[in-house]
Amino acid sequence: MNAVHDTMARQGLVRPRDGRMLGGVCAGLGRRFGLDPWIARALFVLILFLIPGSQILIYPVLWILMPSEQTSYEPTVPPATW
């Protein structure tokens, strides 16, 4: 599973921490392809109406496979005590 997460992260397919509605899948796909998250969500719903069913299965699978966006870890240095 970590190999899949690493591959998706290298390709830019991550679920962002901000701008999520449910799981962040549409926001992540929108970011990856240069779309606003709302446009990606609208396309998801439009495709759902045109081809019903498959998206309901695809969304949870992508939710599991797409890694969450990592925040950069910067250790805090405690103030010096004199």
PDB file of N, CA and C in Angstrom:
ATOM      1  N   MET A   1       0.823  -1.191   0.000  1.00  0.00           N
ATOM      2  CA  MET A   1       0.000   0.000   0.000  1.00  0.00           C
ATOM      3  C   MET A   1       0.870   1.258   0.000  1.00  0.00           C
ATOM      4  N   ASN A   2       2.023   1.214   0.704  1.00  0.00           N
ATOM      5  CA  ASN A   2       2.898   2.379   0.727  1.00  0.00           C
ATOM      6  C   ASN A   2       3.476   2.684  -0.644  1.00  0.00           C
ATOM      7  N   ALA A   3       3.697   1.657  -1.450  1.00  0.00           N
ATOM      8  CA  ALA A   3       4.217   1.876  -2.803  1.00  0.00           C
ATOM      9  C   ALA A   3       3.204   2.640  -3.644  1.00  0.00           C
ATOM     10  N   VAL A   4       1.924   2.314  -3.491  1.00  0.00           N
ATOM     11  CA  VAL A   4       0.872   3.023  -4.231  1.00  0.00           C
ATOM     12  C   VAL A   4       0.803   4.474  -3.762  1.00  0.00           C
ATOM     13  N   HIS A   5       0.863   4.688  -2.445  1.00  0.00           N
ATOM     14  CA  HIS A   5       0.835   6.059  -1.913  1.00  0.00           C
ATOM     15  C   HIS A   5       2.028   6.863  -2.413  1.00  0.00           C
ATOM     16  N   ASP A   6       3.217   6.253  -2.414  1.00  0.00           N
ATOM     17  CA  ASP A   6       4.413   6.953  -2.879  1.00  0.00           C
ATOM     18  C   ASP A   6       4.313   7.308  -4.358  1.00  0.00           C
ATOM     19  N   THR A   7       3.815   6.377  -5.162  1.00  0.00           N
ATOM     20  CA  THR A   7       3.668   6.628  -6.598  1.00  0.00           C
ATOM     21  C   THR A   7       2.689   7.759  -6.854  1.00  0.00           C
ATOM     22  N   MET A   8       1.555   7.748  -6.172  1.00  0.00           N
ATOM     23  CA  MET A   8       0.569   8.814  -6.363  1.00  0.00           C
ATOM     24  C   MET A   8       1.111  10.151  -5.875  1.00  0.00           C
ATOM     25  N   ALA A   9       1.823  10.146  -4.779  1.00  0.00           N
ATOM     26  CA  ALA A   9       2.390  11.391  -4.256  1.00  0.00           C
ATOM     27  C   ALA A   9       3.418  11.971  -5.225  1.00  0.00           C
ATOM     28  N   ARG A  10       4.246  11.117  -5.839  1.00  0.00           N
ATOM     29  CA  ARG A  10       5.222  11.593  -6.821  1.00  0.00           C
ATOM     30  C   ARG A  10       4.538  12.193  -8.039  1.00  0.00           C
ATOM     31  N   GLN A  11       3.361  11.680  -8.405  1.00  0.00           N
ATOM     32  CA  GLN A  11       2.634  12.189  -9.560  1.00  0.00           C
ATOM     33  C   GLN A  11       1.767  13.386  -9.216  1.00  0.00           C
ATOM     34  N   GLY A  12       1.749  13.788  -7.957  1.00  0.00           N
ATOM     35  CA  GLY A  12       0.976  14.954  -7.548  1.00  0.00           C
ATOM     36  C   GLY A  12      -0.462  14.642  -7.172  1.00  0.00           C
ATOM     37  N   LEU A  13      -0.798  13.376  -7.044  1.00  0.00           N
ATOM     38  CA  LEU A  13      -2.155  12.991  -6.651  1.00  0.00           C
ATOM     39  C   LEU A  13      -2.215  12.817  -5.143  1.00  0.00           C
ATOM     40  N   VAL A  14      -2.482  13.906  -4.452  1.00  0.00           N
ATOM     41  CA  VAL A  14      -2.626  13.872  -3.001  1.00  0.00           C
ATOM     42  C   VAL A  14      -3.914  14.594  -2.616  1.00  0.00           C
ATOM     43  N   ARG A  15      -4.465  14.187  -1.482  1.00  0.00           N
ATOM     44  CA  ARG A  15      -5.663  14.851  -0.971  1.00  0.00           C
ATOM     45  C   ARG A  15      -5.218  16.034  -0.112  1.00  0.00           C
ATOM     46  N   PRO A  16      -5.530  17.273  -0.542  1.00  0.00           N
ATOM     47  CA  PRO A  16      -5.053  18.440   0.202  1.00  0.00           C
ATOM     48  C   PRO A  16      -5.705  18.546   1.581  1.00  0.00           C
ATOM     49  N   ARG A  17      -4.993  19.174   2.492  1.00  0.00           N
ATOM     50  CA  ARG A  17      -5.512  19.368   3.846  1.00  0.00           C
ATOM     51  C   ARG A  17      -6.570  20.457   3.885  1.00  0.00           C
ATOM     52  N   ASP A  18      -6.443  21.469   3.033  1.00  0.00           N
ATOM     53  CA  ASP A  18      -7.435  22.536   3.007  1.00  0.00           C
ATOM     54  C   ASP A  18      -8.222  22.459   1.703  1.00  0.00           C
ATOM     55  N   GLY A  19      -9.464  22.868   1.747  1.00  0.00           N
ATOM     56  CA  GLY A  19     -10.318  22.831   0.568  1.00  0.00           C
ATOM     57  C   GLY A  19     -11.057  21.522   0.386  1.00  0.00           C
ATOM     58  N   ARG A  20     -11.030  20.668   1.404  1.00  0.00           N
ATOM     59  CA  ARG A  20     -11.744  19.388   1.320  1.00  0.00           C
ATOM     60  C   ARG A  20     -13.231  19.599   1.564  1.00  0.00           C
ATOM     61  N   MET A  21     -14.032  18.783   0.912  1.00  0.00           N
ATOM     62  CA  MET A  21     -15.459  18.744   1.212  1.00  0.00           C
ATOM     63  C   MET A  21     -15.774  17.461   1.965  1.00  0.00           C
ATOM     64  N   LEU A  22     -15.392  16.345   1.399  1.00  0.00           N
ATOM     65  CA  LEU A  22     -15.643  15.055   2.045  1.00  0.00           C
ATOM     66  C   LEU A  22     -14.299  14.403   2.363  1.00  0.00           C
ATOM     67  N   GLY A  23     -13.655  13.867   1.369  1.00  0.00           N
ATOM     68  CA  GLY A  23     -12.370  13.223   1.596  1.00  0.00           C
ATOM     69  C   GLY A  23     -11.220  13.934   0.927  1.00  0.00           C
ATOM     70  N   GLY A  24     -11.516  14.882   0.072  1.00  0.00           N
ATOM     71  CA  GLY A  24     -10.471  15.616  -0.623  1.00  0.00           C
ATOM     72  C   GLY A  24     -10.073  15.028  -1.960  1.00  0.00           C
ATOM     73  N   VAL A  25     -10.796  14.017  -2.418  1.00  0.00           N
ATOM     74  CA  VAL A  25     -10.441  13.363  -3.674  1.00  0.00           C
ATOM     75  C   VAL A  25     -10.628  14.320  -4.855  1.00  0.00           C
ATOM     76  N   CYS A  26     -11.767  14.955  -4.973  1.00  0.00           N
ATOM     77  CA  CYS A  26     -12.002  15.872  -6.092  1.00  0.00           C
ATOM     78  C   CYS A  26     -11.073  17.078  -6.026  1.00  0.00           C
ATOM     79  N   ALA A  27     -10.815  17.573  -4.820  1.00  0.00           N
ATOM     80  CA  ALA A  27      -9.881  18.700  -4.671  1.00  0.00           C
ATOM     81  C   ALA A  27      -8.482  18.285  -5.104  1.00  0.00           C
ATOM     82  N   GLY A  28      -8.075  17.072  -4.758  1.00  0.00           N
ATOM     83  CA  GLY A  28      -6.763  16.574  -5.163  1.00  0.00           C
ATOM     84  C   GLY A  28      -6.661  16.364  -6.658  1.00  0.00           C
ATOM     85  N   LEU A  29      -7.718  15.807  -7.254  1.00  0.00           N
ATOM     86  CA  LEU A  29      -7.718  15.620  -8.705  1.00  0.00           C
ATOM     87  C   LEU A  29      -7.726  16.968  -9.419  1.00  0.00           C
ATOM     88  N   GLY A  30      -8.503  17.908  -8.897  1.00  0.00           N
ATOM     89  CA  GLY A  30      -8.534  19.244  -9.483  1.00  0.00           C
ATOM     90  C   GLY A  30      -7.178  19.918  -9.422  1.00  0.00           C
ATOM     91  N   ARG A  31      -6.510  19.811  -8.276  1.00  0.00           N
ATOM     92  CA  ARG A  31      -5.188  20.412  -8.119  1.00  0.00           C
ATOM     93  C   ARG A  31      -4.191  19.768  -9.079  1.00  0.00           C
ATOM     94  N   ARG A  32      -4.261  18.451  -9.215  1.00  0.00           N
ATOM     95  CA  ARG A  32      -3.332  17.730 -10.088  1.00  0.00           C
ATOM     96  C   ARG A  32      -3.476  18.150 -11.547  1.00  0.00           C
ATOM     97  N   PHE A  33      -4.717  18.377 -11.976  1.00  0.00           N
ATOM     98  CA  PHE A  33      -4.968  18.713 -13.375  1.00  0.00           C
ATOM     99  C   PHE A  33      -5.180  20.202 -13.605  1.00  0.00           C
ATOM    100  N   GLY A  34      -4.890  21.020 -12.593  1.00  0.00           N
ATOM    101  CA  GLY A  34      -4.947  22.465 -12.752  1.00  0.00           C
ATOM    102  C   GLY A  34      -6.353  23.036 -12.770  1.00  0.00           C
ATOM    103  N   LEU A  35      -7.282  22.379 -12.089  1.00  0.00           N
ATOM    104  CA  LEU A  35      -8.666  22.849 -12.030  1.00  0.00           C
ATOM    105  C   LEU A  35      -8.991  23.332 -10.630  1.00  0.00           C
ATOM    106  N   ASP A  36      -9.939  24.247 -10.554  1.00  0.00           N
ATOM    107  CA  ASP A  36     -10.469  24.664  -9.267  1.00  0.00           C
ATOM    108  C   ASP A  36     -11.213  23.478  -8.648  1.00  0.00           C
ATOM    109  N   PRO A  37     -11.157  23.306  -7.335  1.00  0.00           N
ATOM    110  CA  PRO A  37     -11.859  22.168  -6.722  1.00  0.00           C
ATOM    111  C   PRO A  37     -13.351  22.128  -7.046  1.00  0.00           C
ATOM    112  N   TRP A  38     -13.985  23.294  -7.147  1.00  0.00           N
ATOM    113  CA  TRP A  38     -15.417  23.301  -7.450  1.00  0.00           C
ATOM    114  C   TRP A  38     -15.699  22.807  -8.857  1.00  0.00           C
ATOM    115  N   ILE A  39     -14.821  23.109  -9.787  1.00  0.00           N
ATOM    116  CA  ILE A  39     -14.989  22.614 -11.156  1.00  0.00           C
ATOM    117  C   ILE A  39     -14.812  21.097 -11.181  1.00  0.00           C
ATOM    118  N   ALA A  40     -13.825  20.594 -10.438  1.00  0.00           N
ATOM    119  CA  ALA A  40     -13.612  19.145 -10.375  1.00  0.00           C
ATOM    120  C   ALA A  40     -14.823  18.449  -9.761  1.00  0.00           C
ATOM    121  N   ARG A  41     -15.417  19.056  -8.729  1.00  0.00           N
ATOM    122  CA  ARG A  41     -16.617  18.470  -8.109  1.00  0.00           C
ATOM    123  C   ARG A  41     -17.795  18.497  -9.065  1.00  0.00           C
ATOM    124  N   ALA A  42     -17.948  19.610  -9.787  1.00  0.00           N
ATOM    125  CA  ALA A  42     -19.049  19.714 -10.750  1.00  0.00           C
ATOM    126  C   ALA A  42     -18.895  18.679 -11.863  1.00  0.00           C
ATOM    127  N   LEU A  43     -17.670  18.489 -12.338  1.00  0.00           N
ATOM    128  CA  LEU A  43     -17.432  17.463 -13.361  1.00  0.00           C
ATOM    129  C   LEU A  43     -17.731  16.074 -12.824  1.00  0.00           C
ATOM    130  N   PHE A  44     -17.376  15.821 -11.568  1.00  0.00           N
ATOM    131  CA  PHE A  44     -17.660  14.533 -10.942  1.00  0.00           C
ATOM    132  C   PHE A  44     -19.168  14.277 -10.922  1.00  0.00           C
ATOM    133  N   VAL A  45     -19.940  15.275 -10.514  1.00  0.00           N
ATOM    134  CA  VAL A  45     -21.398  15.119 -10.455  1.00  0.00           C
ATOM    135  C   VAL A  45     -21.974  14.985 -11.855  1.00  0.00           C
ATOM    136  N   LEU A  46     -21.471  15.770 -12.809  1.00  0.00           N
ATOM    137  CA  LEU A  46     -21.955  15.691 -14.186  1.00  0.00           C
ATOM    138  C   LEU A  46     -21.707  14.298 -14.768  1.00  0.00           C
ATOM    139  N   ILE A  47     -20.525  13.769 -14.543  1.00  0.00           N
ATOM    140  CA  ILE A  47     -20.214  12.421 -15.028  1.00  0.00           C
ATOM    141  C   ILE A  47     -21.077  11.391 -14.317  1.00  0.00           C
ATOM    142  N   LEU A  48     -21.377  11.637 -13.048  1.00  0.00           N
ATOM    143  CA  LEU A  48     -22.243  10.731 -12.297  1.00  0.00           C
ATOM    144  C   LEU A  48     -23.636  10.662 -12.930  1.00  0.00           C
ATOM    145  N   PHE A  49     -24.140  11.809 -13.417  1.00  0.00           N
ATOM    146  CA  PHE A  49     -25.448  11.811 -14.078  1.00  0.00           C
ATOM    147  C   PHE A  49     -25.394  11.153 -15.458  1.00  0.00           C
ATOM    148  N   LEU A  50     -24.275  11.338 -16.159  1.00  0.00           N
ATOM    149  CA  LEU A  50     -24.163  10.773 -17.500  1.00  0.00           C
ATOM    150  C   LEU A  50     -23.894   9.268 -17.472  1.00  0.00           C
ATOM    151  N   ILE A  51     -23.026   8.836 -16.573  1.00  0.00           N
ATOM    152  CA  ILE A  51     -22.686   7.414 -16.442  1.00  0.00           C
ATOM    153  C   ILE A  51     -22.891   7.038 -14.981  1.00  0.00           C
ATOM    154  N   PRO A  52     -24.104   6.709 -14.587  1.00  0.00           N
ATOM    155  CA  PRO A  52     -24.371   6.485 -13.163  1.00  0.00           C
ATOM    156  C   PRO A  52     -23.712   5.218 -12.626  1.00  0.00           C
ATOM    157  N   GLY A  53     -23.285   5.313 -11.369  1.00  0.00           N
ATOM    158  CA  GLY A  53     -22.827   4.126 -10.658  1.00  0.00           C
ATOM    159  C   GLY A  53     -21.347   4.003 -10.436  1.00  0.00           C
ATOM    160  N   SER A  54     -20.571   4.122 -11.486  1.00  0.00           N
ATOM    161  CA  SER A  54     -19.147   3.817 -11.361  1.00  0.00           C
ATOM    162  C   SER A  54     -18.421   4.785 -10.425  1.00  0.00           C
ATOM    163  N   GLN A  55     -18.827   6.043 -10.405  1.00  0.00           N
ATOM    164  CA  GLN A  55     -18.150   7.018  -9.567  1.00  0.00           C
ATOM    165  C   GLN A  55     -18.346   6.743  -8.082  1.00  0.00           C
ATOM    166  N   ILE A  56     -19.478   6.151  -7.743  1.00  0.00           N
ATOM    167  CA  ILE A  56     -19.738   5.815  -6.344  1.00  0.00           C
ATOM    168  C   ILE A  56     -18.729   4.768  -5.868  1.00  0.00           C
ATOM    169  N   LEU A  57     -18.261   3.932  -6.757  1.00  0.00           N
ATOM    170  CA  LEU A  57     -17.236   2.952  -6.403  1.00  0.00           C
ATOM    171  C   LEU A  57     -15.830   3.533  -6.502  1.00  0.00           C
ATOM    172  N   ILE A  58     -15.610   4.415  -7.460  1.00  0.00           N
ATOM    173  CA  ILE A  58     -14.283   4.970  -7.688  1.00  0.00           C
ATOM    174  C   ILE A  58     -13.872   5.923  -6.568  1.00  0.00           C
ATOM    175  N   TYR A  59     -14.802   6.748  -6.079  1.00  0.00           N
ATOM    176  CA  TYR A  59     -14.464   7.743  -5.061  1.00  0.00           C
ATOM    177  C   TYR A  59     -13.878   7.105  -3.796  1.00  0.00           C
ATOM    178  N   PRO A  60     -14.526   6.090  -3.191  1.00  0.00           N
ATOM    179  CA  PRO A  60     -13.924   5.494  -1.990  1.00  0.00           C
ATOM    180  C   PRO A  60     -12.579   4.806  -2.258  1.00  0.00           C
ATOM    181  N   VAL A  61     -12.430   4.230  -3.444  1.00  0.00           N
ATOM    182  CA  VAL A  61     -11.152   3.591  -3.778  1.00  0.00           C
ATOM    183  C   VAL A  61     -10.052   4.649  -3.854  1.00  0.00           C
ATOM    184  N   LEU A  62     -10.338   5.775  -4.521  1.00  0.00           N
ATOM    185  CA  LEU A  62      -9.353   6.846  -4.590  1.00  0.00           C
ATOM    186  C   LEU A  62      -9.094   7.447  -3.215  1.00  0.00           C
ATOM    187  N   TRP A  63     -10.114   7.508  -2.382  1.00  0.00           N
ATOM    188  CA  TRP A  63      -9.963   8.043  -1.031  1.00  0.00           C
ATOM    189  C   TRP A  63      -8.948   7.200  -0.247  1.00  0.00           C
ATOM    190  N   ILE A  64      -8.997   5.900  -0.460  1.00  0.00           N
ATOM    191  CA  ILE A  64      -8.075   4.997   0.228  1.00  0.00           C
ATOM    192  C   ILE A  64      -6.677   5.064  -0.398  1.00  0.00           C
ATOM    193  N   LEU A  65      -6.611   5.113  -1.722  1.00  0.00           N
ATOM    194  CA  LEU A  65      -5.322   5.043  -2.409  1.00  0.00           C
ATOM    195  C   LEU A  65      -4.551   6.359  -2.427  1.00  0.00           C
ATOM    196  N   MET A  66      -5.263   7.485  -2.486  1.00  0.00           N
ATOM    197  CA  MET A  66      -4.583   8.782  -2.544  1.00  0.00           C
ATOM    198  C   MET A  66      -4.096   9.162  -1.152  1.00  0.00           C
ATOM    199  N   PRO A  67      -2.810   9.437  -1.016  1.00  0.00           N
ATOM    200  CA  PRO A  67      -2.310   9.823   0.303  1.00  0.00           C
ATOM    201  C   PRO A  67      -2.745  11.232   0.657  1.00  0.00           C
ATOM    202  N   SER A  68      -2.855  11.485   1.931  1.00  0.00           N
ATOM    203  CA  SER A  68      -3.170  12.825   2.402  1.00  0.00           C
ATOM    204  C   SER A  68      -1.929  13.691   2.279  1.00  0.00           C
ATOM    205  N   GLU A  69      -2.136  14.953   2.013  1.00  0.00           N
ATOM    206  CA  GLU A  69      -1.023  15.879   1.853  1.00  0.00           C
ATOM    207  C   GLU A  69      -0.263  15.994   3.175  1.00  0.00           C
ATOM    208  N   GLN A  70       1.032  15.921   3.085  1.00  0.00           N
ATOM    209  CA  GLN A  70       1.876  16.017   4.272  1.00  0.00           C
ATOM    210  C   GLN A  70       2.162  17.473   4.576  1.00  0.00           C
ATOM    211  N   THR A  71       2.162  17.786   5.846  1.00  0.00           N
ATOM    212  CA  THR A  71       2.598  19.116   6.240  1.00  0.00           C
ATOM    213  C   THR A  71       4.085  19.037   6.519  1.00  0.00           C
ATOM    214  N   SER A  72       4.775  20.089   6.199  1.00  0.00           N
ATOM    215  CA  SER A  72       6.222  20.059   6.423  1.00  0.00           C
ATOM    216  C   SER A  72       6.485  20.110   7.920  1.00  0.00           C
ATOM    217  N   TYR A  73       7.312  19.222   8.355  1.00  0.00           N
ATOM    218  CA  TYR A  73       7.632  19.125   9.770  1.00  0.00           C
ATOM    219  C   TYR A  73       8.878  19.937  10.057  1.00  0.00           C
ATOM    220  N   GLU A  74       8.719  20.952  10.840  1.00  0.00           N
ATOM    221  CA  GLU A  74       9.860  21.748  11.255  1.00  0.00           C
ATOM    222  C   GLU A  74       9.934  21.686  12.766  1.00  0.00           C
ATOM    223  N   PRO A  75      10.936  21.022  13.280  1.00  0.00           N
ATOM    224  CA  PRO A  75      11.020  20.919  14.733  1.00  0.00           C
ATOM    225  C   PRO A  75      11.235  22.281  15.366  1.00  0.00           C
ATOM    226  N   THR A  76      10.535  22.485  16.449  1.00  0.00           N
ATOM    227  CA  THR A  76      10.690  23.759  17.158  1.00  0.00           C
ATOM    228  C   THR A  76      11.847  23.628  18.132  1.00  0.00           C
ATOM    229  N   VAL A  77      12.646  24.636  18.138  1.00  0.00           N
ATOM    230  CA  VAL A  77      13.792  24.638  19.041  1.00  0.00           C
ATOM    231  C   VAL A  77      13.375  25.384  20.298  1.00  0.00           C
ATOM    232  N   PRO A  78      13.507  24.753  21.446  1.00  0.00           N
ATOM    233  CA  PRO A  78      13.125  25.449  22.678  1.00  0.00           C
ATOM    234  C   PRO A  78      14.041  26.635  22.920  1.00  0.00           C
ATOM    235  N   PRO A  79      13.511  27.672  23.530  1.00  0.00           N
ATOM    236  CA  PRO A  79      14.363  28.834  23.797  1.00  0.00           C
ATOM    237  C   PRO A  79      15.504  28.487  24.747  1.00  0.00           C
ATOM    238  N   ALA A  80      16.594  29.117  24.508  1.00  0.00           N
ATOM    239  CA  ALA A  80      17.771  28.858  25.352  1.00  0.00           C
ATOM    240  C   ALA A  80      17.514  29.404  26.749  1.00  0.00           C
ATOM    241  N   THR A  81      17.901  28.635  27.726  1.00  0.00           N
ATOM    242  CA  THR A  81      17.767  29.076  29.113  1.00  0.00           C
ATOM    243  C   THR A  81      19.159  29.431  29.607  1.00  0.00           C
ATOM    244  N   TRP A  82      19.311  30.592  30.129  1.00  0.00           N
ATOM    245  CA  TRP A  82      20.609  31.075  30.598  1.00  0.00           C
ATOM    246  C   TRP A  82      20.755  30.868  32.044  1.00  0.00           C
TER     247      TRP A  82
END
